[in-house]
Amino acid sequence: MKRWLPVLLFCLLASACAKKPESPLQWLLGLIPPGETVFIDPQLAEFLPPEVKHVPLPVEFLITADSTPDPTRPLVPLPQVPGVYADQVRYMLVPGNSEPSWLGCAVAGWKSVGLLPSAPGDHGYNLYRRRDDAPTVKPGKVEPSPLIALPDGSLALEKTEVSYRQYVAFLNEARPDPSILIRWIDLGRMDNPIVRDGEGYAVCPSCADHPVAFVSFGGAEAYCRHLGRRLPTDGEWLRFAQGNDKRAYPWGDQDDVTQYANINSLEDGYVNSNPVDAFGQGAGPYGHLNLGGNAFEWTAGREGPVLRGGSWITGPEWTRNDRHESNFAYARNNHNGFRCAK
């Protein structure tokens, strides 16, 4: 036995040296319990423990300091299986060492559980876990935004953009089948603050009064139709924004946009979206709020859906009344909202 002992020790030592050392990223991902699912960059999936499932992060969360995104580019929605919701995924790994600003008001539903600090040439990673104790609001009956009419009374448009609170109430009243729901709104995004609550839906309080996003053109139409209203046409929306004086912006001709609208700038006081009743100083000619900035608004163009007004992710030029963006009817982006007309 004694003559075999040196050989045995040599084999054990060789085996230990040959074992691939655990990387810091593997250590971080090792904090995820077996059987869980994580939002992650697909290129990093090889570092995951075999018992952990993964789904791809939306493209916005893959942006690093070295990237220059085009905020007006239509984002094709990620595939989503009917009946599978983001609140089933309890972890996410995002680049960077601070709170991911792309989460917007939904950041309240997550907490950091592990940090991989940045190194030279690397942006680091932050591992987040969905909060089990995050408060939610489950509204009942839809309380629609008040309508403001043109002076001649021929047409009226809702004063504010439709909020998460209002859209969740609509979902709780309509109870759409999962195959319909997926066409209306993307609930497969971790930055969508809408979660399931029993047989219905709820939203975190910090997002309840912000403009609902991730809604398709059809999802916006369905909401308006539920209230006996409809989406405005592109020309109708423009009438409310321009007024009789054909102003350059909804609030007038002043181009110091950050005083009047929420755009891609911290000077306006918001990192992401703002409550739908904010920015009273930027009201349109008839009193409508946030026609410029906060969320792009779906309208019905002659050749398809048109987005108006710019958003919290776009530059000041997109709040001009002469700017618009065509988009796919199925697009469910994190900065597309709407309001109804009648």
Protein backbone atom coordinates (compact mmCIF):
# COMPACT_ATOMS: atom_id res chain seq x y z
CA MET A 1 0.00 0.00 0.00
CA LYS A 2 2.86 2.37 0.88
CA ARG A 3 4.41 2.05 -2.56
CA TRP A 4 1.07 3.01 -4.19
CA LEU A 5 0.57 6.07 -1.95
CA PRO A 6 2.87 8.42 -3.94
CA VAL A 7 1.14 7.38 -7.18
CA LEU A 8 -2.28 8.02 -5.65
CA LEU A 9 -1.22 11.44 -4.36
CA PHE A 10 0.24 12.32 -7.77
CA CYS A 11 -3.02 11.36 -9.51
CA LEU A 12 -5.13 13.44 -7.10
CA LEU A 13 -2.84 16.44 -7.53
CA ALA A 14 -2.85 16.11 -11.32
CA SER A 15 -6.65 15.87 -11.32
CA ALA A 16 -6.97 19.01 -9.20
CA CYS A 17 -4.60 20.96 -11.43
CA ALA A 18 -6.35 19.80 -14.58
CA LYS A 19 -9.76 20.92 -13.32
CA LYS A 20 -10.86 24.10 -15.06
CA PRO A 21 -10.90 26.95 -12.55
CA GLU A 22 -14.24 28.58 -11.87
CA SER A 23 -14.54 32.01 -13.47
CA PRO A 24 -15.98 35.00 -11.55
CA LEU A 25 -19.00 34.92 -13.89
CA GLN A 26 -19.59 31.24 -13.11
CA TRP A 27 -19.43 32.08 -9.41
CA LEU A 28 -22.05 34.80 -9.89
CA LEU A 29 -24.37 32.56 -11.88
CA GLY A 30 -23.84 29.82 -9.32
CA LEU A 31 -25.97 31.94 -6.95
CA ILE A 32 -29.04 30.93 -8.99
CA PRO A 33 -30.73 27.89 -7.39
CA PRO A 34 -31.24 24.76 -9.56
CA GLY A 35 -34.51 24.70 -11.46
CA GLU A 36 -34.76 28.49 -11.77
CA THR A 37 -34.76 30.50 -15.02
CA VAL A 38 -32.68 33.60 -15.76
CA PHE A 39 -32.85 36.40 -18.35
CA ILE A 40 -29.34 36.43 -19.83
CA ASP A 41 -27.29 37.31 -22.89
CA PRO A 42 -27.47 34.07 -24.98
CA GLN A 43 -23.70 34.29 -25.49
CA LEU A 44 -23.20 33.78 -21.74
CA ALA A 45 -25.48 30.74 -21.46
CA GLU A 46 -22.47 28.40 -21.53
CA PHE A 47 -21.49 29.63 -18.06
CA LEU A 48 -24.82 28.61 -16.53
CA PRO A 49 -25.08 25.55 -14.28
CA PRO A 50 -26.82 22.74 -16.20
CA GLU A 51 -29.86 22.83 -13.87
CA VAL A 52 -30.60 26.52 -14.65
CA LYS A 53 -32.77 27.47 -17.64
CA HIS A 54 -32.44 30.70 -19.55
CA VAL A 55 -34.36 33.08 -21.83
CA PRO A 56 -32.74 35.86 -23.89
CA LEU A 57 -32.52 39.40 -22.58
CA PRO A 58 -34.30 42.04 -24.68
CA VAL A 59 -31.89 43.86 -26.96
CA GLU A 60 -31.98 47.07 -24.90
CA PHE A 61 -30.38 45.28 -21.93
CA LEU A 62 -27.44 44.12 -24.05
CA ILE A 63 -26.37 47.71 -24.73
CA THR A 64 -23.02 48.56 -23.17
CA ALA A 65 -21.09 51.77 -22.82
CA ASP A 66 -19.39 51.01 -26.13
CA SER A 67 -22.71 50.79 -28.01
CA THR A 68 -24.63 53.61 -29.64
CA PRO A 69 -28.27 52.50 -29.97
CA ASP A 70 -30.73 54.02 -32.40
CA PRO A 71 -33.76 54.69 -30.15
CA THR A 72 -36.16 55.11 -33.08
CA ARG A 73 -35.36 51.71 -34.58
CA PRO A 74 -38.39 49.40 -34.48
CA LEU A 75 -37.62 46.45 -32.23
CA VAL A 76 -39.01 43.13 -33.39
CA PRO A 77 -40.59 41.47 -30.34
CA LEU A 78 -38.89 38.39 -28.93
CA PRO A 79 -40.77 35.11 -29.41
CA GLN A 80 -43.18 34.49 -26.57
CA VAL A 81 -45.05 31.29 -25.88
CA PRO A 82 -48.73 31.83 -25.02
CA GLY A 83 -49.25 31.28 -21.31
CA VAL A 84 -45.60 31.93 -20.37
CA TYR A 85 -45.07 35.17 -18.46
CA ALA A 86 -42.03 37.11 -17.29
CA ASP A 87 -43.06 36.79 -13.65
CA GLN A 88 -42.21 33.08 -13.94
CA VAL A 89 -38.57 34.10 -14.49
CA ARG A 90 -37.12 35.18 -11.17
CA TYR A 91 -33.54 36.10 -12.10
CA MET A 92 -31.78 38.31 -14.62
CA LEU A 93 -28.14 39.04 -15.39
CA VAL A 94 -27.51 42.48 -16.85
CA PRO A 95 -24.30 44.24 -17.90
CA GLY A 96 -23.18 47.06 -15.64
CA ASN A 97 -22.64 47.71 -11.95
CA SER A 98 -25.69 49.82 -11.18
CA GLU A 99 -29.45 49.65 -11.47
CA PRO A 100 -30.41 48.94 -15.10
CA SER A 101 -32.09 52.14 -16.23
CA TRP A 102 -33.99 50.25 -18.91
CA LEU A 103 -36.13 48.68 -16.17
CA GLY A 104 -37.78 52.06 -15.69
CA CYS A 105 -40.35 52.23 -12.91
CA ALA A 106 -40.37 48.39 -12.82
CA VAL A 107 -36.98 48.43 -11.04
CA ALA A 108 -38.90 48.39 -7.73
CA GLY A 109 -39.78 44.77 -8.40
CA TRP A 110 -36.16 43.57 -8.43
CA LYS A 111 -33.22 43.48 -6.01
CA SER A 112 -29.51 42.89 -6.60
CA VAL A 113 -28.22 39.60 -5.17
CA GLY A 114 -24.73 39.53 -6.66
CA LEU A 115 -22.28 41.92 -8.25
CA LEU A 116 -19.30 41.27 -10.48
CA PRO A 117 -17.38 44.58 -10.43
CA SER A 118 -16.10 46.01 -13.66
CA ALA A 119 -12.47 45.55 -14.68
CA PRO A 120 -10.38 47.33 -17.33
CA GLY A 121 -12.09 46.69 -20.65
CA ASP A 122 -15.10 45.05 -18.98
CA HIS A 123 -18.42 46.52 -17.82
CA GLY A 124 -19.11 44.00 -15.05
CA TYR A 125 -22.40 42.22 -14.34
CA ASN A 126 -25.23 42.50 -11.85
CA LEU A 127 -27.45 39.57 -10.90
CA TYR A 128 -31.00 40.51 -9.90
CA ARG A 129 -33.77 38.49 -8.29
CA ARG A 130 -37.48 39.30 -8.52
CA ARG A 131 -38.85 40.51 -5.19
CA ASP A 132 -41.37 38.16 -3.61
CA ASP A 133 -42.71 40.93 -1.38
CA ALA A 134 -43.11 43.67 -4.00
CA PRO A 135 -46.45 45.47 -3.49
CA THR A 136 -48.97 45.50 -6.32
CA VAL A 137 -52.18 47.29 -7.27
CA LYS A 138 -55.08 45.32 -8.74
CA PRO A 139 -57.57 47.83 -10.16
CA GLY A 140 -61.17 46.89 -10.80
CA LYS A 141 -63.35 48.84 -13.21
CA VAL A 142 -61.64 50.91 -15.90
CA GLU A 143 -61.69 54.63 -15.12
CA PRO A 144 -61.00 56.16 -18.54
CA SER A 145 -59.15 59.41 -19.06
CA PRO A 146 -61.44 62.45 -19.49
CA LEU A 147 -62.02 63.62 -23.05
CA ILE A 148 -61.17 67.12 -24.27
CA ALA A 149 -62.96 68.16 -27.45
CA LEU A 150 -62.02 70.46 -30.28
CA PRO A 151 -63.71 73.90 -30.09
CA ASP A 152 -66.27 72.87 -32.72
CA GLY A 153 -67.14 69.71 -30.78
CA SER A 154 -66.50 67.49 -33.81
CA LEU A 155 -63.95 65.25 -32.09
CA ALA A 156 -62.55 64.59 -28.63
CA LEU A 157 -59.24 63.13 -27.46
CA GLU A 158 -58.34 61.78 -24.03
CA LYS A 159 -56.49 64.30 -21.88
CA THR A 160 -53.77 61.84 -20.86
CA GLU A 161 -52.06 58.75 -22.19
CA VAL A 162 -53.53 55.44 -21.05
CA SER A 163 -51.80 54.31 -17.86
CA TYR A 164 -50.78 50.87 -16.63
CA ARG A 165 -53.54 51.12 -14.01
CA GLN A 166 -56.17 51.64 -16.71
CA TYR A 167 -54.84 48.92 -19.01
CA VAL A 168 -54.62 46.38 -16.18
CA ALA A 169 -58.23 47.16 -15.26
CA PHE A 170 -59.14 46.57 -18.91
CA LEU A 171 -57.38 43.19 -18.90
CA ASN A 172 -59.22 42.21 -15.71
CA GLU A 173 -62.53 43.09 -17.36
CA ALA A 174 -61.81 41.62 -20.81
CA ARG A 175 -60.07 38.41 -19.60
CA PRO A 176 -58.55 37.69 -23.04
CA ASP A 177 -57.48 34.20 -24.01
CA PRO A 178 -53.67 33.76 -23.89
CA SER A 179 -53.56 33.47 -27.69
CA ILE A 180 -55.22 36.92 -27.89
CA LEU A 181 -53.36 38.45 -24.97
CA ILE A 182 -49.97 37.84 -26.58
CA ARG A 183 -51.05 39.89 -29.59
CA TRP A 184 -52.11 42.81 -27.38
CA ILE A 185 -49.24 43.16 -24.93
CA ASP A 186 -45.84 41.59 -24.30
CA LEU A 187 -45.87 40.15 -20.77
CA GLY A 188 -42.66 38.25 -21.47
CA ARG A 189 -40.50 41.27 -20.62
CA MET A 190 -38.97 41.69 -17.17
CA ASP A 191 -39.32 45.48 -17.51
CA ASN A 192 -43.09 45.13 -17.96
CA PRO A 193 -44.50 45.83 -14.48
CA ILE A 194 -47.74 43.92 -15.10
CA VAL A 195 -47.88 40.60 -13.25
CA ARG A 196 -50.49 37.91 -12.82
CA ASP A 197 -52.62 38.00 -9.68
CA GLY A 198 -54.85 34.97 -9.28
CA GLU A 199 -57.24 34.95 -12.22
CA GLY A 200 -56.38 38.53 -13.16
CA TYR A 201 -53.52 40.99 -13.37
CA ALA A 202 -51.85 43.61 -11.17
CA VAL A 203 -49.15 46.27 -11.46
CA CYS A 204 -46.53 47.70 -9.10
CA PRO A 205 -47.58 51.02 -7.52
CA SER A 206 -44.50 52.85 -8.82
CA CYS A 207 -45.66 52.20 -12.40
CA ALA A 208 -49.43 52.32 -12.03
CA ASP A 209 -49.84 55.88 -13.27
CA HIS A 210 -47.12 55.82 -15.93
CA PRO A 211 -48.11 55.31 -19.60
CA VAL A 212 -48.67 51.66 -20.44
CA ALA A 213 -46.04 50.31 -22.84
CA PHE A 214 -45.35 47.01 -24.63
CA VAL A 215 -48.82 47.34 -26.24
CA SER A 216 -49.30 46.62 -29.93
CA PHE A 217 -51.47 48.65 -32.27
CA GLY A 218 -54.12 45.94 -31.94
CA GLY A 219 -53.81 45.98 -28.14
CA ALA A 220 -54.41 49.72 -28.14
CA GLU A 221 -57.40 49.36 -30.47
CA ALA A 222 -58.88 46.67 -28.21
CA TYR A 223 -58.70 48.93 -25.15
CA CYS A 224 -60.33 51.88 -26.93
CA ARG A 225 -63.03 49.67 -28.40
CA HIS A 226 -63.78 48.28 -24.93
CA LEU A 227 -64.65 51.84 -23.84
CA GLY A 228 -66.69 52.66 -26.93
CA ARG A 229 -63.83 54.79 -28.24
CA ARG A 230 -61.18 54.36 -30.94
CA LEU A 231 -57.61 55.31 -31.77
CA PRO A 232 -57.26 58.72 -33.42
CA THR A 233 -56.14 58.90 -37.01
CA ASP A 234 -52.75 60.42 -37.69
CA GLY A 235 -54.39 63.62 -38.97
CA GLU A 236 -56.75 63.88 -36.01
CA TRP A 237 -53.91 63.56 -33.49
CA LEU A 238 -52.04 66.30 -35.37
CA ARG A 239 -55.04 68.66 -35.15
CA PHE A 240 -55.00 68.41 -31.36
CA ALA A 241 -51.22 68.93 -31.20
CA GLN A 242 -50.96 71.84 -33.67
CA GLY A 243 -54.06 73.83 -32.79
CA ASN A 244 -55.24 76.63 -35.02
CA ASP A 245 -51.86 78.37 -34.93
CA LYS A 246 -50.02 75.39 -36.47
CA ARG A 247 -47.43 75.48 -33.70
CA ALA A 248 -44.14 73.59 -33.98
CA TYR A 249 -44.56 71.70 -30.69
CA PRO A 250 -47.71 70.86 -28.72
CA TRP A 251 -46.83 73.59 -26.15
CA GLY A 252 -45.93 76.25 -28.73
CA ASP A 253 -42.80 77.20 -30.64
CA GLN A 254 -40.31 77.08 -27.74
CA ASP A 255 -37.58 74.56 -28.54
CA ASP A 256 -36.16 74.21 -25.00
CA VAL A 257 -37.84 70.82 -24.93
CA THR A 258 -36.70 69.58 -21.52
CA GLN A 259 -38.88 72.23 -19.82
CA TYR A 260 -42.00 70.90 -21.50
CA ALA A 261 -41.53 67.19 -22.25
CA ASN A 262 -39.87 64.00 -21.04
CA ILE A 263 -37.25 62.95 -23.58
CA ASN A 264 -33.90 61.15 -23.60
CA SER A 265 -32.33 63.62 -21.19
CA LEU A 266 -31.90 63.82 -17.43
CA GLU A 267 -32.51 67.57 -17.58
CA ASP A 268 -36.27 66.96 -17.63
CA GLY A 269 -36.11 65.25 -14.23
CA TYR A 270 -36.92 61.70 -15.34
CA VAL A 271 -34.69 58.77 -16.24
CA ASN A 272 -37.56 56.95 -17.90
CA SER A 273 -41.29 57.59 -18.26
CA ASN A 274 -43.26 59.99 -16.05
CA PRO A 275 -46.82 59.82 -14.66
CA VAL A 276 -49.39 60.62 -17.31
CA ASP A 277 -50.58 63.76 -15.47
CA ALA A 278 -47.08 65.35 -15.22
CA PHE A 279 -45.63 68.16 -17.36
CA GLY A 280 -48.64 70.46 -17.17
CA GLN A 281 -46.38 73.20 -18.53
CA GLY A 282 -46.12 71.23 -21.77
CA ALA A 283 -49.87 70.91 -22.35
CA GLY A 284 -51.17 71.14 -25.91
CA PRO A 285 -53.33 73.96 -27.27
CA TYR A 286 -56.51 72.41 -25.82
CA GLY A 287 -55.06 71.11 -22.55
CA HIS A 288 -53.88 67.61 -23.46
CA LEU A 289 -50.85 66.41 -21.48
CA ASN A 290 -47.70 64.72 -22.78
CA LEU A 291 -48.55 64.93 -26.47
CA GLY A 292 -44.80 65.50 -26.75
CA GLY A 293 -42.43 63.06 -25.05
CA ASN A 294 -43.03 60.38 -22.39
CA ALA A 295 -44.44 57.73 -24.75
CA PHE A 296 -44.87 57.47 -28.50
CA GLU A 297 -48.60 57.30 -29.30
CA TRP A 298 -50.24 54.90 -31.75
CA THR A 299 -52.38 56.54 -34.44
CA ALA A 300 -54.04 55.16 -37.55
CA GLY A 301 -52.24 56.34 -40.68
CA ARG A 302 -53.50 55.97 -44.24
CA GLU A 303 -50.97 53.24 -45.00
CA GLY A 304 -50.65 51.69 -41.57
CA PRO A 305 -49.86 52.50 -37.93
CA VAL A 306 -48.04 55.75 -37.22
CA LEU A 307 -46.38 56.80 -33.95
CA ARG A 308 -46.51 60.43 -32.86
CA GLY A 309 -44.99 62.67 -30.20
CA GLY A 310 -41.65 61.10 -29.34
CA SER A 311 -40.86 59.39 -26.04
CA TRP A 312 -38.54 59.23 -23.05
CA ILE A 313 -36.03 57.36 -25.21
CA THR A 314 -35.92 59.76 -28.17
CA GLY A 315 -34.28 63.12 -28.80
CA PRO A 316 -36.01 66.53 -28.75
CA GLU A 317 -36.60 66.57 -32.51
CA TRP A 318 -39.16 63.77 -32.17
CA THR A 319 -41.49 65.98 -30.10
CA ARG A 320 -42.02 68.28 -33.09
CA ASN A 321 -45.49 68.09 -34.58
CA ASP A 322 -44.05 67.52 -38.06
CA ARG A 323 -42.26 64.30 -37.03
CA HIS A 324 -43.77 60.84 -37.06
CA GLU A 325 -42.59 57.24 -37.12
CA SER A 326 -44.18 54.36 -39.04
CA ASN A 327 -44.02 51.02 -37.25
CA PHE A 328 -45.21 47.45 -37.43
CA ALA A 329 -48.69 46.89 -36.00
CA TYR A 330 -47.37 44.01 -33.90
CA ALA A 331 -44.49 46.01 -32.35
CA ARG A 332 -44.69 46.00 -28.55
CA ASN A 333 -41.85 48.32 -27.56
CA ASN A 334 -41.01 49.72 -24.15
CA HIS A 335 -41.77 53.29 -25.21
CA ASN A 336 -44.94 52.95 -27.31
CA GLY A 337 -48.20 54.09 -25.69
CA PHE A 338 -51.52 55.53 -26.82
CA ARG A 339 -54.66 57.49 -25.97
CA CYS A 340 -58.19 57.15 -27.33
CA ALA A 341 -60.47 59.46 -29.31
CA LYS A 342 -64.23 59.71 -29.67
